[in-house]
Amino acid sequence: MHQTFQPMLNALCTGRFACSQKAGEWL
């Protein structure tokens, strides 16, 4: 499900935060 929605999430974000490098790469 995460992989399915990832393109949609990236399209809707105007900013992307992550608590670590790995967490950012994951999301």
mmCIF file of all heavy atoms, coordinates in Angstrom:
data_MODEL
# 
_entry.id   MODEL 
# 
loop_
_atom_site.group_PDB 
_atom_site.id 
_atom_site.type_symbol 
_atom_site.label_atom_id 
_atom_site.label_alt_id 
_atom_site.label_comp_id 
_atom_site.label_asym_id 
_atom_site.label_entity_id 
_atom_site.label_seq_id 
_atom_site.pdbx_PDB_ins_code 
_atom_site.Cartn_x 
_atom_site.Cartn_y 
_atom_site.Cartn_z 
_atom_site.occupancy 
_atom_site.B_iso_or_equiv 
_atom_site.pdbx_formal_charge 
_atom_site.auth_seq_id 
_atom_site.auth_comp_id 
_atom_site.auth_asym_id 
_atom_site.auth_atom_id 
_atom_site.pdbx_PDB_model_num 
ATOM 1   N N   . MET A 1 1  ? 0.836  -1.200 0.000  1.00 0.00 ? 1  MET A N   1 
ATOM 2   C CA  . MET A 1 1  ? 0.000  0.000  0.000  1.00 0.00 ? 1  MET A CA  1 
ATOM 3   C C   . MET A 1 1  ? 0.877  1.258  0.000  1.00 0.00 ? 1  MET A C   1 
ATOM 4   O O   . MET A 1 1  ? 0.571  2.243  -0.678 1.00 0.00 ? 1  MET A O   1 
ATOM 5   C CB  . MET A 1 1  ? -0.911 -0.006 1.217  1.00 0.00 ? 1  MET A CB  1 
ATOM 6   C CG  . MET A 1 1  ? -2.063 -1.002 1.122  1.00 0.00 ? 1  MET A CG  1 
ATOM 7   S SD  . MET A 1 1  ? -3.344 -0.488 -0.049 1.00 0.00 ? 1  MET A SD  1 
ATOM 8   C CE  . MET A 1 1  ? -4.136 0.814  0.905  1.00 0.00 ? 1  MET A CE  1 
ATOM 9   N N   . HIS A 1 2  ? 1.940  1.202  0.756  1.00 0.00 ? 2  HIS A N   1 
ATOM 10  C CA  . HIS A 1 2  ? 2.867  2.336  0.798  1.00 0.00 ? 2  HIS A CA  1 
ATOM 11  C C   . HIS A 1 2  ? 3.418  2.629  -0.593 1.00 0.00 ? 2  HIS A C   1 
ATOM 12  O O   . HIS A 1 2  ? 3.460  3.786  -1.031 1.00 0.00 ? 2  HIS A O   1 
ATOM 13  C CB  . HIS A 1 2  ? 4.012  2.025  1.771  1.00 0.00 ? 2  HIS A CB  1 
ATOM 14  C CG  . HIS A 1 2  ? 5.173  2.962  1.666  1.00 0.00 ? 2  HIS A CG  1 
ATOM 15  N ND1 . HIS A 1 2  ? 5.127  4.257  2.135  1.00 0.00 ? 2  HIS A ND1 1 
ATOM 16  C CD2 . HIS A 1 2  ? 6.417  2.795  1.131  1.00 0.00 ? 2  HIS A CD2 1 
ATOM 17  C CE1 . HIS A 1 2  ? 6.291  4.844  1.895  1.00 0.00 ? 2  HIS A CE1 1 
ATOM 18  N NE2 . HIS A 1 2  ? 7.094  3.978  1.300  1.00 0.00 ? 2  HIS A NE2 1 
ATOM 19  N N   . GLN A 1 3  ? 3.832  1.606  -1.305 1.00 0.00 ? 3  GLN A N   1 
ATOM 20  C CA  . GLN A 1 3  ? 4.401  1.780  -2.637 1.00 0.00 ? 3  GLN A CA  1 
ATOM 21  C C   . GLN A 1 3  ? 3.354  2.318  -3.619 1.00 0.00 ? 3  GLN A C   1 
ATOM 22  O O   . GLN A 1 3  ? 3.669  3.118  -4.503 1.00 0.00 ? 3  GLN A O   1 
ATOM 23  C CB  . GLN A 1 3  ? 4.973  0.464  -3.136 1.00 0.00 ? 3  GLN A CB  1 
ATOM 24  C CG  . GLN A 1 3  ? 6.187  -0.014 -2.337 1.00 0.00 ? 3  GLN A CG  1 
ATOM 25  C CD  . GLN A 1 3  ? 6.612  -1.433 -2.688 1.00 0.00 ? 3  GLN A CD  1 
ATOM 26  O OE1 . GLN A 1 3  ? 5.813  -2.229 -3.196 1.00 0.00 ? 3  GLN A OE1 1 
ATOM 27  N NE2 . GLN A 1 3  ? 7.870  -1.753 -2.406 1.00 0.00 ? 3  GLN A NE2 1 
ATOM 28  N N   . THR A 1 4  ? 2.104  1.905  -3.435 1.00 0.00 ? 4  THR A N   1 
ATOM 29  C CA  . THR A 1 4  ? 1.023  2.346  -4.314 1.00 0.00 ? 4  THR A CA  1 
ATOM 30  C C   . THR A 1 4  ? 0.763  3.844  -4.178 1.00 0.00 ? 4  THR A C   1 
ATOM 31  O O   . THR A 1 4  ? 0.557  4.556  -5.172 1.00 0.00 ? 4  THR A O   1 
ATOM 32  C CB  . THR A 1 4  ? -0.270 1.569  -4.004 1.00 0.00 ? 4  THR A CB  1 
ATOM 33  O OG1 . THR A 1 4  ? -0.048 0.177  -4.218 1.00 0.00 ? 4  THR A OG1 1 
ATOM 34  C CG2 . THR A 1 4  ? -1.416 2.038  -4.879 1.00 0.00 ? 4  THR A CG2 1 
ATOM 35  N N   . PHE A 1 5  ? 0.782  4.348  -2.954 1.00 0.00 ? 5  PHE A N   1 
ATOM 36  C CA  . PHE A 1 5  ? 0.427  5.741  -2.704 1.00 0.00 ? 5  PHE A CA  1 
ATOM 37  C C   . PHE A 1 5  ? 1.616  6.702  -2.771 1.00 0.00 ? 5  PHE A C   1 
ATOM 38  O O   . PHE A 1 5  ? 1.428  7.916  -2.727 1.00 0.00 ? 5  PHE A O   1 
ATOM 39  C CB  . PHE A 1 5  ? -0.244 5.871  -1.329 1.00 0.00 ? 5  PHE A CB  1 
ATOM 40  C CG  . PHE A 1 5  ? -1.694 5.500  -1.333 1.00 0.00 ? 5  PHE A CG  1 
ATOM 41  C CD1 . PHE A 1 5  ? -2.094 4.208  -1.060 1.00 0.00 ? 5  PHE A CD1 1 
ATOM 42  C CD2 . PHE A 1 5  ? -2.674 6.453  -1.618 1.00 0.00 ? 5  PHE A CD2 1 
ATOM 43  C CE1 . PHE A 1 5  ? -3.436 3.861  -1.052 1.00 0.00 ? 5  PHE A CE1 1 
ATOM 44  C CE2 . PHE A 1 5  ? -4.011 6.122  -1.619 1.00 0.00 ? 5  PHE A CE2 1 
ATOM 45  C CZ  . PHE A 1 5  ? -4.410 4.819  -1.342 1.00 0.00 ? 5  PHE A CZ  1 
ATOM 46  N N   . GLN A 1 6  ? 2.842  6.180  -2.872 1.00 0.00 ? 6  GLN A N   1 
ATOM 47  C CA  . GLN A 1 6  ? 4.016  7.042  -2.822 1.00 0.00 ? 6  GLN A CA  1 
ATOM 48  C C   . GLN A 1 6  ? 4.022  8.123  -3.907 1.00 0.00 ? 6  GLN A C   1 
ATOM 49  O O   . GLN A 1 6  ? 4.300  9.305  -3.608 1.00 0.00 ? 6  GLN A O   1 
ATOM 50  C CB  . GLN A 1 6  ? 5.290  6.207  -2.897 1.00 0.00 ? 6  GLN A CB  1 
ATOM 51  C CG  . GLN A 1 6  ? 6.557  6.992  -2.571 1.00 0.00 ? 6  GLN A CG  1 
ATOM 52  C CD  . GLN A 1 6  ? 7.788  6.095  -2.538 1.00 0.00 ? 6  GLN A CD  1 
ATOM 53  O OE1 . GLN A 1 6  ? 8.103  5.441  -3.542 1.00 0.00 ? 6  GLN A OE1 1 
ATOM 54  N NE2 . GLN A 1 6  ? 8.469  6.045  -1.404 1.00 0.00 ? 6  GLN A NE2 1 
ATOM 55  N N   . PRO A 1 7  ? 3.718  7.818  -5.176 1.00 0.00 ? 7  PRO A N   1 
ATOM 56  C CA  . PRO A 1 7  ? 3.693  8.878  -6.193 1.00 0.00 ? 7  PRO A CA  1 
ATOM 57  C C   . PRO A 1 7  ? 2.665  9.973  -5.874 1.00 0.00 ? 7  PRO A C   1 
ATOM 58  O O   . PRO A 1 7  ? 2.930  11.161 -6.091 1.00 0.00 ? 7  PRO A O   1 
ATOM 59  C CB  . PRO A 1 7  ? 3.325  8.127  -7.480 1.00 0.00 ? 7  PRO A CB  1 
ATOM 60  C CG  . PRO A 1 7  ? 3.749  6.719  -7.230 1.00 0.00 ? 7  PRO A CG  1 
ATOM 61  C CD  . PRO A 1 7  ? 3.481  6.481  -5.782 1.00 0.00 ? 7  PRO A CD  1 
ATOM 62  N N   . MET A 1 8  ? 1.524  9.577  -5.353 1.00 0.00 ? 8  MET A N   1 
ATOM 63  C CA  . MET A 1 8  ? 0.480  10.539 -5.000 1.00 0.00 ? 8  MET A CA  1 
ATOM 64  C C   . MET A 1 8  ? 0.947  11.448 -3.866 1.00 0.00 ? 8  MET A C   1 
ATOM 65  O O   . MET A 1 8  ? 0.733  12.669 -3.894 1.00 0.00 ? 8  MET A O   1 
ATOM 66  C CB  . MET A 1 8  ? -0.795 9.794  -4.598 1.00 0.00 ? 8  MET A CB  1 
ATOM 67  C CG  . MET A 1 8  ? -1.966 10.691 -4.243 1.00 0.00 ? 8  MET A CG  1 
ATOM 68  S SD  . MET A 1 8  ? -3.416 9.689  -3.799 1.00 0.00 ? 8  MET A SD  1 
ATOM 69  C CE  . MET A 1 8  ? -4.593 10.988 -3.391 1.00 0.00 ? 8  MET A CE  1 
ATOM 70  N N   . LEU A 1 9  ? 1.590  10.843 -2.856 1.00 0.00 ? 9  LEU A N   1 
ATOM 71  C CA  . LEU A 1 9  ? 2.099  11.634 -1.735 1.00 0.00 ? 9  LEU A CA  1 
ATOM 72  C C   . LEU A 1 9  ? 3.093  12.680 -2.222 1.00 0.00 ? 9  LEU A C   1 
ATOM 73  O O   . LEU A 1 9  ? 3.001  13.865 -1.872 1.00 0.00 ? 9  LEU A O   1 
ATOM 74  C CB  . LEU A 1 9  ? 2.771  10.729 -0.709 1.00 0.00 ? 9  LEU A CB  1 
ATOM 75  C CG  . LEU A 1 9  ? 3.408  11.457 0.484  1.00 0.00 ? 9  LEU A CG  1 
ATOM 76  C CD1 . LEU A 1 9  ? 2.352  11.843 1.495  1.00 0.00 ? 9  LEU A CD1 1 
ATOM 77  C CD2 . LEU A 1 9  ? 4.483  10.610 1.145  1.00 0.00 ? 9  LEU A CD2 1 
ATOM 78  N N   . ASN A 1 10 ? 4.043  12.248 -3.054 1.00 0.00 ? 10 ASN A N   1 
ATOM 79  C CA  . ASN A 1 10 ? 5.058  13.172 -3.548 1.00 0.00 ? 10 ASN A CA  1 
ATOM 80  C C   . ASN A 1 10 ? 4.461  14.290 -4.393 1.00 0.00 ? 10 ASN A C   1 
ATOM 81  O O   . ASN A 1 10 ? 4.951  15.418 -4.381 1.00 0.00 ? 10 ASN A O   1 
ATOM 82  C CB  . ASN A 1 10 ? 6.114  12.409 -4.349 1.00 0.00 ? 10 ASN A CB  1 
ATOM 83  C CG  . ASN A 1 10 ? 7.126  11.703 -3.459 1.00 0.00 ? 10 ASN A CG  1 
ATOM 84  O OD1 . ASN A 1 10 ? 7.577  12.252 -2.464 1.00 0.00 ? 10 ASN A OD1 1 
ATOM 85  N ND2 . ASN A 1 10 ? 7.478  10.468 -3.808 1.00 0.00 ? 10 ASN A ND2 1 
ATOM 86  N N   . ALA A 1 11 ? 3.384  13.988 -5.106 1.00 0.00 ? 11 ALA A N   1 
ATOM 87  C CA  . ALA A 1 11 ? 2.734  15.003 -5.937 1.00 0.00 ? 11 ALA A CA  1 
ATOM 88  C C   . ALA A 1 11 ? 1.997  16.038 -5.092 1.00 0.00 ? 11 ALA A C   1 
ATOM 89  O O   . ALA A 1 11 ? 1.909  17.214 -5.471 1.00 0.00 ? 11 ALA A O   1 
ATOM 90  C CB  . ALA A 1 11 ? 1.763  14.330 -6.905 1.00 0.00 ? 11 ALA A CB  1 
ATOM 91  N N   . LEU A 1 12 ? 1.487  15.621 -3.939 1.00 0.00 ? 12 LEU A N   1 
ATOM 92  C CA  . LEU A 1 12 ? 0.686  16.516 -3.105 1.00 0.00 ? 12 LEU A CA  1 
ATOM 93  C C   . LEU A 1 12 ? 1.512  17.329 -2.117 1.00 0.00 ? 12 LEU A C   1 
ATOM 94  O O   . LEU A 1 12 ? 1.064  18.359 -1.612 1.00 0.00 ? 12 LEU A O   1 
ATOM 95  C CB  . LEU A 1 12 ? -0.365 15.706 -2.335 1.00 0.00 ? 12 LEU A CB  1 
ATOM 96  C CG  . LEU A 1 12 ? -1.538 15.194 -3.178 1.00 0.00 ? 12 LEU A CG  1 
ATOM 97  C CD1 . LEU A 1 12 ? -2.307 14.115 -2.434 1.00 0.00 ? 12 LEU A CD1 1 
ATOM 98  C CD2 . LEU A 1 12 ? -2.462 16.350 -3.547 1.00 0.00 ? 12 LEU A CD2 1 
ATOM 99  N N   . CYS A 1 13 ? 2.729  16.875 -1.815 1.00 0.00 ? 13 CYS A N   1 
ATOM 100 C CA  . CYS A 1 13 ? 3.585  17.590 -0.863 1.00 0.00 ? 13 CYS A CA  1 
ATOM 101 C C   . CYS A 1 13 ? 4.112  18.884 -1.476 1.00 0.00 ? 13 CYS A C   1 
ATOM 102 O O   . CYS A 1 13 ? 4.557  18.897 -2.612 1.00 0.00 ? 13 CYS A O   1 
ATOM 103 C CB  . CYS A 1 13 ? 4.790  16.740 -0.483 1.00 0.00 ? 13 CYS A CB  1 
ATOM 104 S SG  . CYS A 1 13 ? 4.427  15.376 0.610  1.00 0.00 ? 13 CYS A SG  1 
ATOM 105 N N   . THR A 1 14 ? 4.081  19.944 -0.694 1.00 0.00 ? 14 THR A N   1 
ATOM 106 C CA  . THR A 1 14 ? 4.823  21.143 -1.067 1.00 0.00 ? 14 THR A CA  1 
ATOM 107 C C   . THR A 1 14 ? 6.139  21.200 -0.285 1.00 0.00 ? 14 THR A C   1 
ATOM 108 O O   . THR A 1 14 ? 7.002  22.019 -0.578 1.00 0.00 ? 14 THR A O   1 
ATOM 109 C CB  . THR A 1 14 ? 4.009  22.411 -0.786 1.00 0.00 ? 14 THR A CB  1 
ATOM 110 O OG1 . THR A 1 14 ? 3.746  22.509 0.619  1.00 0.00 ? 14 THR A OG1 1 
ATOM 111 C CG2 . THR A 1 14 ? 2.687  22.390 -1.545 1.00 0.00 ? 14 THR A CG2 1 
ATOM 112 N N   . GLY A 1 15 ? 6.255  20.326 0.720  1.00 0.00 ? 15 GLY A N   1 
ATOM 113 C CA  . GLY A 1 15 ? 7.478  20.207 1.499  1.00 0.00 ? 15 GLY A CA  1 
ATOM 114 C C   . GLY A 1 15 ? 7.585  18.805 2.051  1.00 0.00 ? 15 GLY A C   1 
ATOM 115 O O   . GLY A 1 15 ? 6.572  18.170 2.353  1.00 0.00 ? 15 GLY A O   1 
ATOM 116 N N   . ARG A 1 16 ? 8.818  18.306 2.163  1.00 0.00 ? 16 ARG A N   1 
ATOM 117 C CA  . ARG A 1 16 ? 9.046  16.948 2.648  1.00 0.00 ? 16 ARG A CA  1 
ATOM 118 C C   . ARG A 1 16 ? 10.048 16.998 3.798  1.00 0.00 ? 16 ARG A C   1 
ATOM 119 O O   . ARG A 1 16 ? 11.191 17.402 3.598  1.00 0.00 ? 16 ARG A O   1 
ATOM 120 C CB  . ARG A 1 16 ? 9.565  16.037 1.530  1.00 0.00 ? 16 ARG A CB  1 
ATOM 121 C CG  . ARG A 1 16 ? 8.657  15.954 0.310  1.00 0.00 ? 16 ARG A CG  1 
ATOM 122 C CD  . ARG A 1 16 ? 9.245  15.021 -0.747 1.00 0.00 ? 16 ARG A CD  1 
ATOM 123 N NE  . ARG A 1 16 ? 8.473  15.074 -1.974 1.00 0.00 ? 16 ARG A NE  1 
ATOM 124 C CZ  . ARG A 1 16 ? 8.738  15.891 -2.989 1.00 0.00 ? 16 ARG A CZ  1 
ATOM 125 N NH1 . ARG A 1 16 ? 9.779  16.705 -2.914 1.00 0.00 ? 16 ARG A NH1 1 
ATOM 126 N NH2 . ARG A 1 16 ? 7.984  15.896 -4.059 1.00 0.00 ? 16 ARG A NH2 1 
ATOM 127 N N   . PHE A 1 17 ? 9.618  16.576 4.986  1.00 0.00 ? 17 PHE A N   1 
ATOM 128 C CA  . PHE A 1 17 ? 10.487 16.501 6.156  1.00 0.00 ? 17 PHE A CA  1 
ATOM 129 C C   . PHE A 1 17 ? 10.718 15.032 6.492  1.00 0.00 ? 17 PHE A C   1 
ATOM 130 O O   . PHE A 1 17 ? 9.889  14.167 6.194  1.00 0.00 ? 17 PHE A O   1 
ATOM 131 C CB  . PHE A 1 17 ? 9.844  17.172 7.371  1.00 0.00 ? 17 PHE A CB  1 
ATOM 132 C CG  . PHE A 1 17 ? 9.829  18.680 7.341  1.00 0.00 ? 17 PHE A CG  1 
ATOM 133 C CD1 . PHE A 1 17 ? 10.365 19.391 6.277  1.00 0.00 ? 17 PHE A CD1 1 
ATOM 134 C CD2 . PHE A 1 17 ? 9.274  19.395 8.394  1.00 0.00 ? 17 PHE A CD2 1 
ATOM 135 C CE1 . PHE A 1 17 ? 10.347 20.770 6.250  1.00 0.00 ? 17 PHE A CE1 1 
ATOM 136 C CE2 . PHE A 1 17 ? 9.253  20.780 8.386  1.00 0.00 ? 17 PHE A CE2 1 
ATOM 137 C CZ  . PHE A 1 17 ? 9.795  21.471 7.311  1.00 0.00 ? 17 PHE A CZ  1 
ATOM 138 N N   . ALA A 1 18 ? 11.841 14.737 7.139  1.00 0.00 ? 18 ALA A N   1 
ATOM 139 C CA  . ALA A 1 18 ? 12.136 13.386 7.605  1.00 0.00 ? 18 ALA A CA  1 
ATOM 140 C C   . ALA A 1 18 ? 13.006 13.480 8.847  1.00 0.00 ? 18 ALA A C   1 
ATOM 141 O O   . ALA A 1 18 ? 13.829 14.389 8.976  1.00 0.00 ? 18 ALA A O   1 
ATOM 142 C CB  . ALA A 1 18 ? 12.852 12.578 6.529  1.00 0.00 ? 18 ALA A CB  1 
ATOM 143 N N   . CYS A 1 19 ? 12.824 12.516 9.757  1.00 0.00 ? 19 CYS A N   1 
ATOM 144 C CA  . CYS A 1 19 ? 13.594 12.539 10.998 1.00 0.00 ? 19 CYS A CA  1 
ATOM 145 C C   . CYS A 1 19 ? 15.012 12.012 10.815 1.00 0.00 ? 19 CYS A C   1 
ATOM 146 O O   . CYS A 1 19 ? 15.843 12.147 11.705 1.00 0.00 ? 19 CYS A O   1 
ATOM 147 C CB  . CYS A 1 19 ? 12.868 11.745 12.087 1.00 0.00 ? 19 CYS A CB  1 
ATOM 148 S SG  . CYS A 1 19 ? 12.743 9.984  11.743 1.00 0.00 ? 19 CYS A SG  1 
ATOM 149 N N   . SER A 1 20 ? 15.295 11.393 9.666  1.00 0.00 ? 20 SER A N   1 
ATOM 150 C CA  . SER A 1 20 ? 16.640 10.907 9.354  1.00 0.00 ? 20 SER A CA  1 
ATOM 151 C C   . SER A 1 20 ? 16.745 10.710 7.848  1.00 0.00 ? 20 SER A C   1 
ATOM 152 O O   . SER A 1 20 ? 15.733 10.744 7.127  1.00 0.00 ? 20 SER A O   1 
ATOM 153 C CB  . SER A 1 20 ? 16.932 9.586  10.073 1.00 0.00 ? 20 SER A CB  1 
ATOM 154 O OG  . SER A 1 20 ? 16.144 8.533  9.544  1.00 0.00 ? 20 SER A OG  1 
ATOM 155 N N   . GLN A 1 21 ? 17.956 10.462 7.379  1.00 0.00 ? 21 GLN A N   1 
ATOM 156 C CA  . GLN A 1 21 ? 18.159 10.231 5.957  1.00 0.00 ? 21 GLN A CA  1 
ATOM 157 C C   . GLN A 1 21 ? 17.401 8.998  5.490  1.00 0.00 ? 21 GLN A C   1 
ATOM 158 O O   . GLN A 1 21 ? 16.715 9.018  4.451  1.00 0.00 ? 21 GLN A O   1 
ATOM 159 C CB  . GLN A 1 21 ? 19.665 10.066 5.669  1.00 0.00 ? 21 GLN A CB  1 
ATOM 160 C CG  . GLN A 1 21 ? 20.016 9.925  4.194  1.00 0.00 ? 21 GLN A CG  1 
ATOM 161 C CD  . GLN A 1 21 ? 19.791 11.178 3.399  1.00 0.00 ? 21 GLN A CD  1 
ATOM 162 O OE1 . GLN A 1 21 ? 19.847 12.284 3.935  1.00 0.00 ? 21 GLN A OE1 1 
ATOM 163 N NE2 . GLN A 1 21 ? 19.523 11.034 2.109  1.00 0.00 ? 21 GLN A NE2 1 
ATOM 164 N N   . LYS A 1 22 ? 17.492 7.915  6.259  1.00 0.00 ? 22 LYS A N   1 
ATOM 165 C CA  . LYS A 1 22 ? 16.810 6.673  5.881  1.00 0.00 ? 22 LYS A CA  1 
ATOM 166 C C   . LYS A 1 22 ? 15.293 6.839  5.886  1.00 0.00 ? 22 LYS A C   1 
ATOM 167 O O   . LYS A 1 22 ? 14.591 6.284  5.033  1.00 0.00 ? 22 LYS A O   1 
ATOM 168 C CB  . LYS A 1 22 ? 17.225 5.541  6.822  1.00 0.00 ? 22 LYS A CB  1 
ATOM 169 C CG  . LYS A 1 22 ? 18.648 5.038  6.601  1.00 0.00 ? 22 LYS A CG  1 
ATOM 170 C CD  . LYS A 1 22 ? 18.949 3.849  7.506  1.00 0.00 ? 22 LYS A CD  1 
ATOM 171 C CE  . LYS A 1 22 ? 20.342 3.300  7.259  1.00 0.00 ? 22 LYS A CE  1 
ATOM 172 N NZ  . LYS A 1 22 ? 20.643 2.137  8.137  1.00 0.00 ? 22 LYS A NZ  1 
ATOM 173 N N   . ALA A 1 23 ? 14.779 7.594  6.863  1.00 0.00 ? 23 ALA A N   1 
ATOM 174 C CA  . ALA A 1 23 ? 13.330 7.815  6.932  1.00 0.00 ? 23 ALA A CA  1 
ATOM 175 C C   . ALA A 1 23 ? 12.841 8.593  5.719  1.00 0.00 ? 23 ALA A C   1 
ATOM 176 O O   . ALA A 1 23 ? 11.752 8.335  5.193  1.00 0.00 ? 23 ALA A O   1 
ATOM 177 C CB  . ALA A 1 23 ? 12.977 8.551  8.219  1.00 0.00 ? 23 ALA A CB  1 
ATOM 178 N N   . GLY A 1 24 ? 13.648 9.536  5.248  1.00 0.00 ? 24 GLY A N   1 
ATOM 179 C CA  . GLY A 1 24 ? 13.281 10.298 4.060  1.00 0.00 ? 24 GLY A CA  1 
ATOM 180 C C   . GLY A 1 24 ? 13.294 9.448  2.807  1.00 0.00 ? 24 GLY A C   1 
ATOM 181 O O   . GLY A 1 24 ? 12.389 9.520  1.972  1.00 0.00 ? 24 GLY A O   1 
ATOM 182 N N   . GLU A 1 25 ? 14.314 8.632  2.666  1.00 0.00 ? 25 GLU A N   1 
ATOM 183 C CA  . GLU A 1 25 ? 14.407 7.746  1.508  1.00 0.00 ? 25 GLU A CA  1 
ATOM 184 C C   . GLU A 1 25 ? 13.258 6.753  1.493  1.00 0.00 ? 25 GLU A C   1 
ATOM 185 O O   . GLU A 1 25 ? 12.746 6.389  0.424  1.00 0.00 ? 25 GLU A O   1 
ATOM 186 C CB  . GLU A 1 25 ? 15.755 7.020  1.531  1.00 0.00 ? 25 GLU A CB  1 
ATOM 187 C CG  . GLU A 1 25 ? 16.943 7.953  1.309  1.00 0.00 ? 25 GLU A CG  1 
ATOM 188 C CD  . GLU A 1 25 ? 18.273 7.290  1.600  1.00 0.00 ? 25 GLU A CD  1 
ATOM 189 O OE1 . GLU A 1 25 ? 18.265 6.117  2.050  1.00 0.00 ? 25 GLU A OE1 1 
ATOM 190 O OE2 . GLU A 1 25 ? 19.328 7.921  1.381  1.00 0.00 ? 25 GLU A OE2 1 
ATOM 191 N N   . TRP A 1 26 ? 12.847 6.312  2.687  1.00 0.00 ? 26 TRP A N   1 
ATOM 192 C CA  . TRP A 1 26 ? 11.729 5.368  2.782  1.00 0.00 ? 26 TRP A CA  1 
ATOM 193 C C   . TRP A 1 26 ? 10.432 5.993  2.293  1.00 0.00 ? 26 TRP A C   1 
ATOM 194 O O   . TRP A 1 26 ? 9.709  5.402  1.495  1.00 0.00 ? 26 TRP A O   1 
ATOM 195 C CB  . TRP A 1 26 ? 11.569 4.888  4.224  1.00 0.00 ? 26 TRP A CB  1 
ATOM 196 C CG  . TRP A 1 26 ? 10.202 4.354  4.528  1.00 0.00 ? 26 TRP A CG  1 
ATOM 197 C CD1 . TRP A 1 26 ? 9.217  4.956  5.262  1.00 0.00 ? 26 TRP A CD1 1 
ATOM 198 C CD2 . TRP A 1 26 ? 9.639  3.118  4.071  1.00 0.00 ? 26 TRP A CD2 1 
ATOM 199 N NE1 . TRP A 1 26 ? 8.090  4.181  5.295  1.00 0.00 ? 26 TRP A NE1 1 
ATOM 200 C CE2 . TRP A 1 26 ? 8.322  3.042  4.573  1.00 0.00 ? 26 TRP A CE2 1 
ATOM 201 C CE3 . TRP A 1 26 ? 10.123 2.068  3.282  1.00 0.00 ? 26 TRP A CE3 1 
ATOM 202 C CZ2 . TRP A 1 26 ? 7.483  1.961  4.329  1.00 0.00 ? 26 TRP A CZ2 1 
ATOM 203 C CZ3 . TRP A 1 26 ? 9.279  0.981  3.033  1.00 0.00 ? 26 TRP A CZ3 1 
ATOM 204 C CH2 . TRP A 1 26 ? 7.981  0.937  3.553  1.00 0.00 ? 26 TRP A CH2 1 
ATOM 205 N N   . LEU A 1 27 ? 10.119 7.189  2.765  1.00 0.00 ? 27 LEU A N   1 
ATOM 206 C CA  . LEU A 1 27 ? 8.817  7.779  2.445  1.00 0.00 ? 27 LEU A CA  1 
ATOM 207 C C   . LEU A 1 27 ? 8.772  8.413  1.061  1.00 0.00 ? 27 LEU A C   1 
ATOM 208 O O   . LEU A 1 27 ? 7.755  8.316  0.372  1.00 0.00 ? 27 LEU A O   1 
ATOM 209 C CB  . LEU A 1 27 ? 8.438  8.832  3.496  1.00 0.00 ? 27 LEU A CB  1 
ATOM 210 C CG  . LEU A 1 27 ? 6.982  9.303  3.439  1.00 0.00 ? 27 LEU A CG  1 
ATOM 211 C CD1 . LEU A 1 27 ? 6.020  8.142  3.725  1.00 0.00 ? 27 LEU A CD1 1 
ATOM 212 C CD2 . LEU A 1 27 ? 6.729  10.432 4.439  1.00 0.00 ? 27 LEU A CD2 1 
# 
